[in-house]
């Protein structure tokens, strides 16, 4: 989630704003193992959301969401300050593509649930624009923009259904953590199938940086103006 309160504040004070208002905490209580990341440079502010892994492959000992979010955060540090939205997203997608090659992997042969996936939202100081690719949320001058995937709406309802059934069966003998884990296990087979729709122009298809073929025309671009 990225918030912009007028480009003047971001341009002149963005370092203080990011430091004072950011918070990251992974499910296991450690920010180092979290699949989310943020980065700020003299040219960009970005929030990255690595997709929770559906498979078991480890990338340099890390789960895919943690690895890809930090991989792309590092790439943004050295990203050309004059990139436009398409150039930036393609550059980052190529970073993931090259990472597959470093691990001796072929994107087309890799099981879909093992592929790296990351949604991202970037503020460009040079362009005074916010670029969103994937399902990250943002707020500009108090106006909120939500990019929720249709598949996520469906799975949230299905997960809630599974949890409710289990809760009714076991009553007070189950805690919230057990329910949460149970709900995810129920929908995991569908989540593994869902990743096959990444960057596909089909019902329930969705956009994500994954090192494959992406559609840069789906990048959402928001102008940030003084409020």
C-alpha atoms as a PDB file:
ATOM      1  CA  UNK A   1       0.000   0.000   0.000  1.00  0.00           C
ATOM      2  CA  UNK A   2       1.440   3.364  -1.042  1.00  0.00           C
ATOM      3  CA  UNK A   3       0.119   6.743   0.018  1.00  0.00           C
ATOM      4  CA  UNK A   4       0.878  10.031  -1.713  1.00  0.00           C
ATOM      5  CA  UNK A   5      -0.138  13.366  -0.205  1.00  0.00           C
ATOM      6  CA  UNK A   6       0.800  15.684  -3.049  1.00  0.00           C
ATOM      7  CA  UNK A   7       4.021  15.377  -5.030  1.00  0.00           C
ATOM      8  CA  UNK A   8       5.636  18.324  -3.228  1.00  0.00           C
ATOM      9  CA  UNK A   9       5.720  16.354   0.014  1.00  0.00           C
ATOM     10  CA  UNK A  10       7.056  13.235  -1.691  1.00  0.00           C
ATOM     11  CA  UNK A  11       9.651  15.133  -3.689  1.00  0.00           C
ATOM     12  CA  UNK A  12      11.046  17.152  -0.831  1.00  0.00           C
ATOM     13  CA  UNK A  13      10.417  15.015   2.227  1.00  0.00           C
ATOM     14  CA  UNK A  14       9.829  11.482   0.986  1.00  0.00           C
ATOM     15  CA  UNK A  15      12.649   9.976   3.025  1.00  0.00           C
ATOM     16  CA  UNK A  16      11.144  11.155   6.298  1.00  0.00           C
ATOM     17  CA  UNK A  17       7.631  10.161   5.275  1.00  0.00           C
ATOM     18  CA  UNK A  18       8.666   6.622   4.379  1.00  0.00           C
ATOM     19  CA  UNK A  19      10.725   6.111   7.523  1.00  0.00           C
ATOM     20  CA  UNK A  20       8.052   7.452   9.849  1.00  0.00           C
ATOM     21  CA  UNK A  21       5.023   5.687   8.420  1.00  0.00           C
ATOM     22  CA  UNK A  22       6.166   2.273   7.182  1.00  0.00           C
ATOM     23  CA  UNK A  23       5.725  -1.013   8.974  1.00  0.00           C
ATOM     24  CA  UNK A  24       6.418  -4.561   7.816  1.00  0.00           C
ATOM     25  CA  UNK A  25       5.908  -7.737   9.808  1.00  0.00           C
ATOM     26  CA  UNK A  26       5.861 -11.276   8.435  1.00  0.00           C
ATOM     27  CA  UNK A  27       3.499 -14.027   9.576  1.00  0.00           C
ATOM     28  CA  UNK A  28       6.289 -15.545  11.657  1.00  0.00           C
ATOM     29  CA  UNK A  29       7.041 -12.234  13.397  1.00  0.00           C
ATOM     30  CA  UNK A  30      10.204 -11.454  11.411  1.00  0.00           C
ATOM     31  CA  UNK A  31      10.442  -8.687   8.818  1.00  0.00           C
ATOM     32  CA  UNK A  32      13.521 -10.407   7.327  1.00  0.00           C
ATOM     33  CA  UNK A  33      11.425 -13.406   6.285  1.00  0.00           C
ATOM     34  CA  UNK A  34       8.431 -11.371   5.165  1.00  0.00           C
ATOM     35  CA  UNK A  35       7.276 -11.571   1.555  1.00  0.00           C
ATOM     36  CA  UNK A  36       6.665  -7.827   1.447  1.00  0.00           C
ATOM     37  CA  UNK A  37       9.292  -5.123   1.037  1.00  0.00           C
ATOM     38  CA  UNK A  38       9.624  -1.411   0.456  1.00  0.00           C
ATOM     39  CA  UNK A  39      12.451   0.659  -0.932  1.00  0.00           C
ATOM     40  CA  UNK A  40      13.195   4.351  -1.314  1.00  0.00           C
ATOM     41  CA  UNK A  41      15.920   6.021  -3.308  1.00  0.00           C
ATOM     42  CA  UNK A  42      16.545   9.510  -4.636  1.00  0.00           C
ATOM     43  CA  UNK A  43      14.418   8.521  -7.633  1.00  0.00           C
ATOM     44  CA  UNK A  44      11.788   6.023  -6.515  1.00  0.00           C
ATOM     45  CA  UNK A  45       9.594   4.876  -3.673  1.00  0.00           C
ATOM     46  CA  UNK A  46       8.227   1.357  -4.074  1.00  0.00           C
ATOM     47  CA  UNK A  47       6.159  -1.226  -2.226  1.00  0.00           C
ATOM     48  CA  UNK A  48       6.574  -4.860  -3.258  1.00  0.00           C
ATOM     49  CA  UNK A  49       4.278  -7.774  -2.483  1.00  0.00           C
ATOM     50  CA  UNK A  50       5.762 -11.206  -3.135  1.00  0.00           C
ATOM     51  CA  UNK A  51       3.105 -13.857  -3.712  1.00  0.00           C
ATOM     52  CA  UNK A  52       2.872 -16.467  -0.958  1.00  0.00           C
ATOM     53  CA  UNK A  53       4.541 -19.630  -2.329  1.00  0.00           C
ATOM     54  CA  UNK A  54       2.271 -22.494  -3.373  1.00  0.00           C
ATOM     55  CA  UNK A  55       5.191 -24.889  -3.949  1.00  0.00           C
ATOM     56  CA  UNK A  56       8.275 -26.011  -2.038  1.00  0.00           C
ATOM     57  CA  UNK A  57      11.216 -24.666  -4.063  1.00  0.00           C
ATOM     58  CA  UNK A  58      13.721 -22.564  -2.095  1.00  0.00           C
ATOM     59  CA  UNK A  59      15.670 -19.726  -3.722  1.00  0.00           C
ATOM     60  CA  UNK A  60      19.059 -19.402  -2.071  1.00  0.00           C
ATOM     61  CA  UNK A  61      17.474 -20.887   1.035  1.00  0.00           C
ATOM     62  CA  UNK A  62      14.524 -18.474   1.007  1.00  0.00           C
ATOM     63  CA  UNK A  63      10.869 -18.927   0.151  1.00  0.00           C
ATOM     64  CA  UNK A  64       9.837 -17.422  -3.152  1.00  0.00           C
ATOM     65  CA  UNK A  65       7.890 -14.434  -1.803  1.00  0.00           C
ATOM     66  CA  UNK A  66      10.754 -13.228   0.390  1.00  0.00           C
ATOM     67  CA  UNK A  67      13.353 -13.844  -2.297  1.00  0.00           C
ATOM     68  CA  UNK A  68      11.556 -12.074  -5.142  1.00  0.00           C
ATOM     69  CA  UNK A  69      10.487  -9.000  -3.164  1.00  0.00           C
ATOM     70  CA  UNK A  70      14.053  -8.383  -1.961  1.00  0.00           C
ATOM     71  CA  UNK A  71      15.489  -9.214  -5.395  1.00  0.00           C
ATOM     72  CA  UNK A  72      13.355  -6.524  -7.018  1.00  0.00           C
ATOM     73  CA  UNK A  73      13.861  -4.040  -4.196  1.00  0.00           C
ATOM     74  CA  UNK A  74      17.605  -4.278  -4.796  1.00  0.00           C
ATOM     75  CA  UNK A  75      17.046  -3.846  -8.545  1.00  0.00           C
ATOM     76  CA  UNK A  76      15.081  -0.629  -8.024  1.00  0.00           C
ATOM     77  CA  UNK A  77      18.040   0.921  -6.196  1.00  0.00           C
ATOM     78  CA  UNK A  78      20.035   0.934  -9.447  1.00  0.00           C
ATOM     79  CA  UNK A  79      17.103   1.492 -11.825  1.00  0.00           C
ATOM     80  CA  UNK A  80      17.425   4.273 -14.412  1.00  0.00           C
ATOM     81  CA  UNK A  81      15.794   7.392 -12.992  1.00  0.00           C
ATOM     82  CA  UNK A  82      14.313   8.354 -16.372  1.00  0.00           C
ATOM     83  CA  UNK A  83      12.444   5.105 -16.993  1.00  0.00           C
ATOM     84  CA  UNK A  84       8.791   5.385 -17.901  1.00  0.00           C
ATOM     85  CA  UNK A  85       6.244   2.937 -16.490  1.00  0.00           C
ATOM     86  CA  UNK A  86       6.609   0.311 -19.220  1.00  0.00           C
ATOM     87  CA  UNK A  87      10.397   0.439 -19.144  1.00  0.00           C
ATOM     88  CA  UNK A  88      10.477   0.017 -15.375  1.00  0.00           C
ATOM     89  CA  UNK A  89       8.112  -2.948 -15.215  1.00  0.00           C
ATOM     90  CA  UNK A  90       9.811  -4.678 -18.152  1.00  0.00           C
ATOM     91  CA  UNK A  91      13.209  -4.102 -16.529  1.00  0.00           C
ATOM     92  CA  UNK A  92      12.048  -5.695 -13.284  1.00  0.00           C
ATOM     93  CA  UNK A  93      10.371  -8.583 -15.090  1.00  0.00           C
ATOM     94  CA  UNK A  94      13.652  -9.256 -16.911  1.00  0.00           C
ATOM     95  CA  UNK A  95      15.459  -9.317 -13.561  1.00  0.00           C
ATOM     96  CA  UNK A  96      13.228 -12.238 -12.544  1.00  0.00           C
ATOM     97  CA  UNK A  97      13.721 -13.911 -15.929  1.00  0.00           C
ATOM     98  CA  UNK A  98      17.494 -13.727 -15.539  1.00  0.00           C
ATOM     99  CA  UNK A  99      17.215 -15.170 -12.043  1.00  0.00           C
ATOM    100  CA  UNK A 100      15.643 -18.315 -13.451  1.00  0.00           C
ATOM    101  CA  UNK A 101      18.620 -18.694 -15.771  1.00  0.00           C
ATOM    102  CA  UNK A 102      21.051 -18.296 -12.858  1.00  0.00           C
ATOM    103  CA  UNK A 103      19.334 -21.227 -11.170  1.00  0.00           C
ATOM    104  CA  UNK A 104      19.382 -23.284 -14.373  1.00  0.00           C
ATOM    105  CA  UNK A 105      15.599 -23.116 -14.702  1.00  0.00           C
ATOM    106  CA  UNK A 106      13.363 -22.633 -17.726  1.00  0.00           C
ATOM    107  CA  UNK A 107      10.220 -20.588 -17.086  1.00  0.00           C
ATOM    108  CA  UNK A 108       8.126 -22.655 -19.488  1.00  0.00           C
ATOM    109  CA  UNK A 109       9.174 -25.924 -17.827  1.00  0.00           C
ATOM    110  CA  UNK A 110       8.911 -24.752 -14.230  1.00  0.00           C
ATOM    111  CA  UNK A 111       5.775 -25.829 -12.384  1.00  0.00           C
ATOM    112  CA  UNK A 112       3.499 -22.752 -12.176  1.00  0.00           C
ATOM    113  CA  UNK A 113       3.274 -22.939  -8.374  1.00  0.00           C
ATOM    114  CA  UNK A 114       7.084 -22.718  -8.170  1.00  0.00           C
ATOM    115  CA  UNK A 115       7.390 -19.530 -10.226  1.00  0.00           C
ATOM    116  CA  UNK A 116       8.370 -16.276  -8.588  1.00  0.00           C
ATOM    117  CA  UNK A 117       5.524 -13.771  -8.478  1.00  0.00           C
ATOM    118  CA  UNK A 118       5.448 -10.188  -7.250  1.00  0.00           C
ATOM    119  CA  UNK A 119       3.000  -7.296  -7.407  1.00  0.00           C
ATOM    120  CA  UNK A 120       4.507  -3.840  -7.232  1.00  0.00           C
ATOM    121  CA  UNK A 121       3.662  -0.186  -6.909  1.00  0.00           C
ATOM    122  CA  UNK A 122       6.238   2.517  -7.643  1.00  0.00           C
ATOM    123  CA  UNK A 123       6.366   6.287  -7.303  1.00  0.00           C
ATOM    124  CA  UNK A 124       8.666   7.959  -9.857  1.00  0.00           C
ATOM    125  CA  UNK A 125      10.114  11.266  -8.760  1.00  0.00           C
ATOM    126  CA  UNK A 126      11.107  12.192 -12.336  1.00  0.00           C
ATOM    127  CA  UNK A 127       7.679  11.452 -13.837  1.00  0.00           C
ATOM    128  CA  UNK A 128       5.632  12.404 -10.758  1.00  0.00           C
ATOM    129  CA  UNK A 129       3.572   9.284 -11.362  1.00  0.00           C
ATOM    130  CA  UNK A 130       2.632   6.167  -9.445  1.00  0.00           C
ATOM    131  CA  UNK A 131       2.814   2.916 -11.406  1.00  0.00           C
ATOM    132  CA  UNK A 132       0.856  -0.125 -10.248  1.00  0.00           C
ATOM    133  CA  UNK A 133       1.214  -3.640 -11.624  1.00  0.00           C
ATOM    134  CA  UNK A 134      -0.698  -6.326  -9.788  1.00  0.00           C
ATOM    135  CA  UNK A 135      -3.060  -6.005  -6.853  1.00  0.00           C
ATOM    136  CA  UNK A 136      -1.365  -3.396  -4.637  1.00  0.00           C
ATOM    137  CA  UNK A 137      -3.507  -0.593  -3.199  1.00  0.00           C
ATOM    138  CA  UNK A 138      -2.781   3.115  -3.050  1.00  0.00           C
ATOM    139  CA  UNK A 139      -4.160   6.400  -1.842  1.00  0.00           C
ATOM    140  CA  UNK A 140      -3.534   9.752  -3.537  1.00  0.00           C
ATOM    141  CA  UNK A 141      -4.661  12.911  -1.760  1.00  0.00           C
ATOM    142  CA  UNK A 142      -7.145  10.876   0.326  1.00  0.00           C
ATOM    143  CA  UNK A 143      -8.612   9.096  -2.717  1.00  0.00           C
ATOM    144  CA  UNK A 144      -8.232   5.323  -2.498  1.00  0.00           C
ATOM    145  CA  UNK A 145      -7.611   2.955  -5.402  1.00  0.00           C
ATOM    146  CA  UNK A 146      -8.130  -0.799  -4.985  1.00  0.00           C
ATOM    147  CA  UNK A 147      -6.820  -3.370  -7.456  1.00  0.00           C
ATOM    148  CA  UNK A 148      -8.298  -6.534  -5.993  1.00  0.00           C
ATOM    149  CA  UNK A 149      -8.088  -9.687  -8.122  1.00  0.00           C
ATOM    150  CA  UNK A 150     -11.387 -11.420  -8.863  1.00  0.00           C
ATOM    151  CA  UNK A 151      -9.792 -14.718  -7.932  1.00  0.00           C
ATOM    152  CA  UNK A 152      -8.929 -13.384  -4.482  1.00  0.00           C
ATOM    153  CA  UNK A 153     -12.564 -12.430  -3.883  1.00  0.00           C
ATOM    154  CA  UNK A 154     -13.605 -15.946  -4.816  1.00  0.00           C
ATOM    155  CA  UNK A 155     -10.976 -17.660  -2.659  1.00  0.00           C
ATOM    156  CA  UNK A 156     -11.676 -15.413   0.329  1.00  0.00           C
ATOM    157  CA  UNK A 157     -15.307 -16.510   0.260  1.00  0.00           C
ATOM    158  CA  UNK A 158     -14.366 -20.173  -0.184  1.00  0.00           C
ATOM    159  CA  UNK A 159     -11.843 -19.970   2.648  1.00  0.00           C
ATOM    160  CA  UNK A 160     -14.434 -18.366   4.918  1.00  0.00           C
ATOM    161  CA  UNK A 161     -16.871 -21.131   4.020  1.00  0.00           C
ATOM    162  CA  UNK A 162     -14.351 -23.872   4.898  1.00  0.00           C
ATOM    163  CA  UNK A 163     -13.491 -22.185   8.199  1.00  0.00           C
ATOM    164  CA  UNK A 164     -17.130 -21.787   9.158  1.00  0.00           C
ATOM    165  CA  UNK A 165     -17.859 -25.467   8.484  1.00  0.00           C
ATOM    166  CA  UNK A 166     -14.833 -26.553  10.544  1.00  0.00           C
ATOM    167  CA  UNK A 167     -15.741 -24.167  13.345  1.00  0.00           C
ATOM    168  CA  UNK A 168     -19.272 -25.505  13.501  1.00  0.00           C
ATOM    169  CA  UNK A 169     -17.947 -29.059  13.672  1.00  0.00           C
ATOM    170  CA  UNK A 170     -15.342 -28.444  16.389  1.00  0.00           C
ATOM    171  CA  UNK A 171     -16.782 -25.465  18.218  1.00  0.00           C
ATOM    172  CA  UNK A 172     -14.668 -23.955  20.985  1.00  0.00           C
ATOM    173  CA  UNK A 173     -12.011 -26.667  20.636  1.00  0.00           C
ATOM    174  CA  UNK A 174     -10.205 -24.777  17.880  1.00  0.00           C
ATOM    175  CA  UNK A 175      -8.302 -21.492  17.966  1.00  0.00           C
ATOM    176  CA  UNK A 176      -8.063 -18.777  15.321  1.00  0.00           C
ATOM    177  CA  UNK A 177      -4.580 -19.837  14.161  1.00  0.00           C
ATOM    178  CA  UNK A 178      -5.715 -23.393  13.522  1.00  0.00           C
ATOM    179  CA  UNK A 179      -8.716 -22.073  11.628  1.00  0.00           C
ATOM    180  CA  UNK A 180      -6.548 -19.842   9.456  1.00  0.00           C
ATOM    181  CA  UNK A 181      -4.184 -22.682   8.567  1.00  0.00           C
ATOM    182  CA  UNK A 182      -7.108 -25.016   7.925  1.00  0.00           C
ATOM    183  CA  UNK A 183      -8.739 -22.490   5.604  1.00  0.00           C
ATOM    184  CA  UNK A 184      -5.608 -22.122   3.514  1.00  0.00           C
ATOM    185  CA  UNK A 185      -5.145 -25.892   3.273  1.00  0.00           C
ATOM    186  CA  UNK A 186      -8.703 -26.189   1.977  1.00  0.00           C
ATOM    187  CA  UNK A 187      -8.151 -23.790  -0.902  1.00  0.00           C
ATOM    188  CA  UNK A 188      -4.500 -24.649  -1.662  1.00  0.00           C
ATOM    189  CA  UNK A 189      -5.331 -27.006  -4.587  1.00  0.00           C
ATOM    190  CA  UNK A 190      -7.274 -24.162  -6.209  1.00  0.00           C
ATOM    191  CA  UNK A 191      -4.497 -21.657  -5.506  1.00  0.00           C
ATOM    192  CA  UNK A 192      -2.035 -23.908  -7.322  1.00  0.00           C
ATOM    193  CA  UNK A 193      -4.347 -23.965 -10.329  1.00  0.00           C
ATOM    194  CA  UNK A 194      -4.915 -20.225 -10.098  1.00  0.00           C
ATOM    195  CA  UNK A 195      -1.262 -19.362 -10.787  1.00  0.00           C
ATOM    196  CA  UNK A 196      -1.634 -20.880 -14.270  1.00  0.00           C
ATOM    197  CA  UNK A 197      -3.806 -17.836 -15.100  1.00  0.00           C
ATOM    198  CA  UNK A 198      -1.038 -15.327 -14.345  1.00  0.00           C
ATOM    199  CA  UNK A 199      -0.732 -12.738 -17.133  1.00  0.00           C
ATOM    200  CA  UNK A 200      -3.455 -14.457 -19.153  1.00  0.00           C
ATOM    201  CA  UNK A 201      -6.261 -12.502 -20.850  1.00  0.00           C
ATOM    202  CA  UNK A 202      -8.947 -14.889 -19.636  1.00  0.00           C
ATOM    203  CA  UNK A 203     -11.655 -14.790 -16.954  1.00  0.00           C
ATOM    204  CA  UNK A 204      -9.918 -14.644 -13.546  1.00  0.00           C
ATOM    205  CA  UNK A 205      -6.584 -13.911 -15.250  1.00  0.00           C
ATOM    206  CA  UNK A 206      -4.361 -11.469 -13.377  1.00  0.00           C
ATOM    207  CA  UNK A 207      -1.206  -9.397 -13.832  1.00  0.00           C
ATOM    208  CA  UNK A 208       1.984 -10.067 -11.916  1.00  0.00           C
ATOM    209  CA  UNK A 209       5.748  -9.813 -12.404  1.00  0.00           C
ATOM    210  CA  UNK A 210       6.898 -13.407 -12.851  1.00  0.00           C
ATOM    211  CA  UNK A 211       9.620 -13.401 -15.516  1.00  0.00           C
ATOM    212  CA  UNK A 212       7.228 -14.596 -18.221  1.00  0.00           C
ATOM    213  CA  UNK A 213       5.266 -12.682 -20.827  1.00  0.00           C
ATOM    214  CA  UNK A 214       3.560  -9.708 -19.226  1.00  0.00           C
ATOM    215  CA  UNK A 215       1.204  -7.122 -20.699  1.00  0.00           C
ATOM    216  CA  UNK A 216       2.633  -3.659 -20.041  1.00  0.00           C
ATOM    217  CA  UNK A 217      -0.624  -2.150 -21.298  1.00  0.00           C
ATOM    218  CA  UNK A 218      -2.138  -3.336 -18.021  1.00  0.00           C
ATOM    219  CA  UNK A 219       0.120  -1.086 -15.932  1.00  0.00           C
ATOM    220  CA  UNK A 220      -2.006   1.454 -14.095  1.00  0.00           C
ATOM    221  CA  UNK A 221      -0.504   4.955 -14.129  1.00  0.00           C
ATOM    222  CA  UNK A 222      -1.625   7.663 -11.698  1.00  0.00           C
ATOM    223  CA  UNK A 223      -0.479  11.267 -11.903  1.00  0.00           C
ATOM    224  CA  UNK A 224       0.437  12.708  -8.489  1.00  0.00           C
ATOM    225  CA  UNK A 225      -0.454  16.382  -8.242  1.00  0.00           C
ATOM    226  CA  UNK A 226      -0.427  18.894  -5.430  1.00  0.00           C
ATOM    227  CA  UNK A 227      -3.504  18.654  -3.250  1.00  0.00           C
END
